[in-house]
Structure formats: C-alpha cells, structure tokens
Amino acid sequence: MYLTWADIAQTLLAGLAGMLGVFLVEEGLRVLRERGLSPARWAQNRTFLTPRARAVQAVSEADTP
C-alpha cells in the first residue's frame, strides 16, 4: 500500500483540527469562568458528577455547621 501526500495531509489536518477544537473549548470555558457565568459548583467541588440523591445529601451536610 502506497501513501500519498493527500493521505498524510488528511491525517495532519484532522489532528490539527482536533487540537484546535480542544483549545477553543478550553478557552471558552475559561472565559465563562472569568465572567462568572459557570456555576460555582464547577470550580468548588465535583458533586455534580455523583447521582442526584448523593449530591443533595453531600451539599446539605456541607451547609450544616
């Protein structure tokens, strides 16, 4: 099987497009955090990744002195 310049260029362009996409998403999230538009829980804890019942319990326990 022979590789042509088009095969190599396609692979390189796909990799660059993926890297650019990741960069743009990270930059967009950074701007949202700086403007205060993202929920505070994103920056403070990761309870939003747990099932809802456990997350509510964890937040209520954290609020009690």
N, C-alpha and C. Protein backbone atom coordinates (compact mmCIF):
# COMPACT_ATOMS: atom_id res chain seq x y z
N MET A 1 0.84 -1.18 0.00
CA MET A 1 0.00 0.00 0.00
C MET A 1 0.89 1.24 0.00
N TYR A 2 0.58 2.14 -0.88
CA TYR A 2 1.37 3.35 -1.01
C TYR A 2 0.66 4.50 -0.31
N LEU A 3 1.44 5.32 0.38
CA LEU A 3 0.90 6.54 0.99
C LEU A 3 1.13 7.70 0.05
N THR A 4 0.12 8.48 -0.14
CA THR A 4 0.26 9.67 -0.97
C THR A 4 0.31 10.90 -0.07
N TRP A 5 0.66 12.02 -0.67
CA TRP A 5 0.68 13.27 0.10
C TRP A 5 -0.70 13.60 0.63
N ALA A 6 -1.73 13.23 -0.09
CA ALA A 6 -3.09 13.51 0.36
C ALA A 6 -3.41 12.73 1.64
N ASP A 7 -2.94 11.50 1.74
CA ASP A 7 -3.17 10.70 2.95
C ASP A 7 -2.48 11.33 4.16
N ILE A 8 -1.26 11.77 3.95
CA ILE A 8 -0.51 12.40 5.05
C ILE A 8 -1.14 13.74 5.43
N ALA A 9 -1.51 14.53 4.43
CA ALA A 9 -2.12 15.84 4.70
C ALA A 9 -3.45 15.68 5.42
N GLN A 10 -4.23 14.69 5.04
CA GLN A 10 -5.52 14.46 5.69
C GLN A 10 -5.33 14.12 7.17
N THR A 11 -4.36 13.28 7.47
CA THR A 11 -4.08 12.91 8.86
C THR A 11 -3.62 14.11 9.66
N LEU A 12 -2.72 14.89 9.09
CA LEU A 12 -2.23 16.08 9.78
C LEU A 12 -3.34 17.10 10.02
N LEU A 13 -4.16 17.33 9.02
CA LEU A 13 -5.25 18.30 9.17
C LEU A 13 -6.28 17.83 10.19
N ALA A 14 -6.56 16.55 10.23
CA ALA A 14 -7.50 16.03 11.22
C ALA A 14 -6.95 16.20 12.63
N GLY A 15 -5.67 15.95 12.82
CA GLY A 15 -5.04 16.14 14.12
C GLY A 15 -5.04 17.59 14.54
N LEU A 16 -4.71 18.48 13.62
CA LEU A 16 -4.72 19.91 13.93
C LEU A 16 -6.12 20.41 14.23
N ALA A 17 -7.11 19.92 13.50
CA ALA A 17 -8.49 20.33 13.76
C ALA A 17 -8.94 19.87 15.15
N GLY A 18 -8.55 18.67 15.54
CA GLY A 18 -8.88 18.18 16.88
C GLY A 18 -8.23 19.01 17.96
N MET A 19 -6.96 19.34 17.77
CA MET A 19 -6.24 20.15 18.76
C MET A 19 -6.85 21.55 18.85
N LEU A 20 -7.22 22.12 17.72
CA LEU A 20 -7.84 23.43 17.71
C LEU A 20 -9.19 23.40 18.41
N GLY A 21 -9.96 22.34 18.20
CA GLY A 21 -11.25 22.21 18.86
C GLY A 21 -11.11 22.14 20.37
N VAL A 22 -10.15 21.37 20.85
CA VAL A 22 -9.92 21.27 22.30
C VAL A 22 -9.49 22.62 22.85
N PHE A 23 -8.60 23.30 22.14
CA PHE A 23 -8.14 24.61 22.59
C PHE A 23 -9.31 25.60 22.68
N LEU A 24 -10.17 25.61 21.67
CA LEU A 24 -11.29 26.55 21.67
C LEU A 24 -12.27 26.27 22.80
N VAL A 25 -12.53 25.00 23.09
CA VAL A 25 -13.44 24.66 24.19
C VAL A 25 -12.83 25.08 25.52
N GLU A 26 -11.55 24.80 25.73
CA GLU A 26 -10.90 25.21 26.97
C GLU A 26 -10.90 26.73 27.13
N GLU A 27 -10.65 27.44 26.06
CA GLU A 27 -10.65 28.90 26.11
C GLU A 27 -12.05 29.43 26.40
N GLY A 28 -13.05 28.84 25.78
CA GLY A 28 -14.43 29.25 26.04
C GLY A 28 -14.83 29.02 27.49
N LEU A 29 -14.47 27.88 28.05
CA LEU A 29 -14.77 27.62 29.45
C LEU A 29 -14.02 28.57 30.38
N ARG A 30 -12.78 28.92 30.02
CA ARG A 30 -12.02 29.87 30.84
C ARG A 30 -12.70 31.24 30.85
N VAL A 31 -13.17 31.68 29.70
CA VAL A 31 -13.85 32.97 29.60
C VAL A 31 -15.13 32.95 30.42
N LEU A 32 -15.89 31.85 30.35
CA LEU A 32 -17.11 31.75 31.14
C LEU A 32 -16.81 31.81 32.63
N ARG A 33 -15.76 31.13 33.07
CA ARG A 33 -15.39 31.17 34.49
C ARG A 33 -14.98 32.57 34.90
N GLU A 34 -14.22 33.27 34.07
CA GLU A 34 -13.79 34.62 34.40
C GLU A 34 -14.97 35.57 34.50
N ARG A 35 -15.97 35.39 33.68
CA ARG A 35 -17.15 36.25 33.70
C ARG A 35 -18.16 35.83 34.76
N GLY A 36 -17.90 34.71 35.40
CA GLY A 36 -18.80 34.24 36.45
C GLY A 36 -20.06 33.60 35.92
N LEU A 37 -20.03 33.11 34.70
CA LEU A 37 -21.23 32.53 34.10
C LEU A 37 -21.35 31.03 34.31
N SER A 38 -20.30 30.41 34.81
CA SER A 38 -20.38 28.98 35.08
C SER A 38 -20.76 28.78 36.54
N PRO A 39 -21.50 27.73 36.84
CA PRO A 39 -21.90 27.50 38.22
C PRO A 39 -20.69 27.39 39.14
N ALA A 40 -20.82 27.91 40.34
CA ALA A 40 -19.72 27.88 41.30
C ALA A 40 -19.34 26.45 41.65
N ARG A 41 -20.30 25.54 41.58
CA ARG A 41 -20.00 24.16 41.95
C ARG A 41 -19.02 23.51 40.98
N TRP A 42 -18.90 24.04 39.76
CA TRP A 42 -17.92 23.51 38.82
C TRP A 42 -16.52 23.73 39.36
N ALA A 43 -16.29 24.87 39.98
CA ALA A 43 -14.95 25.22 40.45
C ALA A 43 -14.68 24.68 41.85
N GLN A 44 -15.72 24.51 42.67
CA GLN A 44 -15.52 24.18 44.07
C GLN A 44 -15.50 22.68 44.34
N ASN A 45 -16.41 21.95 43.74
CA ASN A 45 -16.45 20.51 44.01
C ASN A 45 -16.95 19.77 42.79
N ARG A 46 -16.97 18.49 42.89
CA ARG A 46 -17.38 17.65 41.76
C ARG A 46 -18.62 16.83 42.11
N THR A 47 -19.48 17.34 43.01
CA THR A 47 -20.66 16.57 43.40
C THR A 47 -21.65 16.44 42.25
N PHE A 48 -21.54 17.30 41.24
CA PHE A 48 -22.46 17.19 40.11
C PHE A 48 -22.19 15.93 39.29
N LEU A 49 -21.07 15.26 39.56
CA LEU A 49 -20.76 14.02 38.86
C LEU A 49 -21.37 12.80 39.55
N THR A 50 -21.83 12.97 40.79
CA THR A 50 -22.42 11.86 41.53
C THR A 50 -23.91 11.81 41.28
N PRO A 51 -24.55 10.69 41.56
CA PRO A 51 -26.01 10.63 41.41
C PRO A 51 -26.69 11.71 42.25
N ARG A 52 -27.83 12.16 41.80
CA ARG A 52 -28.51 13.33 42.37
C ARG A 52 -28.76 13.19 43.87
N ALA A 53 -29.23 12.07 44.35
CA ALA A 53 -29.56 11.92 45.77
C ALA A 53 -28.31 12.09 46.63
N ARG A 54 -27.20 11.52 46.21
CA ARG A 54 -25.96 11.65 46.98
C ARG A 54 -25.43 13.07 46.92
N ALA A 55 -25.61 13.74 45.80
CA ALA A 55 -25.13 15.11 45.66
C ALA A 55 -25.90 16.04 46.58
N VAL A 56 -27.22 15.88 46.65
CA VAL A 56 -28.04 16.71 47.53
C VAL A 56 -27.65 16.46 48.98
N GLN A 57 -27.43 15.22 49.34
CA GLN A 57 -27.03 14.88 50.70
C GLN A 57 -25.66 15.50 51.02
N ALA A 58 -24.73 15.44 50.11
CA ALA A 58 -23.40 15.99 50.35
C ALA A 58 -23.46 17.50 50.52
N VAL A 59 -24.29 18.18 49.73
CA VAL A 59 -24.41 19.63 49.83
C VAL A 59 -25.08 20.00 51.14
N SER A 60 -26.13 19.28 51.54
CA SER A 60 -26.81 19.61 52.79
C SER A 60 -25.91 19.35 53.99
N GLU A 61 -25.08 18.33 53.93
CA GLU A 61 -24.15 18.06 55.02
C GLU A 61 -23.07 19.13 55.08
N ALA A 62 -22.67 19.65 53.95
CA ALA A 62 -21.63 20.68 53.91
C ALA A 62 -22.16 22.01 54.44
N ASP A 63 -23.47 22.25 54.30
CA ASP A 63 -24.05 23.51 54.75
C ASP A 63 -24.24 23.56 56.25
N THR A 64 -24.33 22.42 56.91
CA THR A 64 -24.55 22.41 58.36
C THR A 64 -23.24 22.65 59.08
N PRO A 65 -23.27 23.49 60.12
CA PRO A 65 -22.03 23.79 60.85
C PRO A 65 -21.58 22.66 61.74
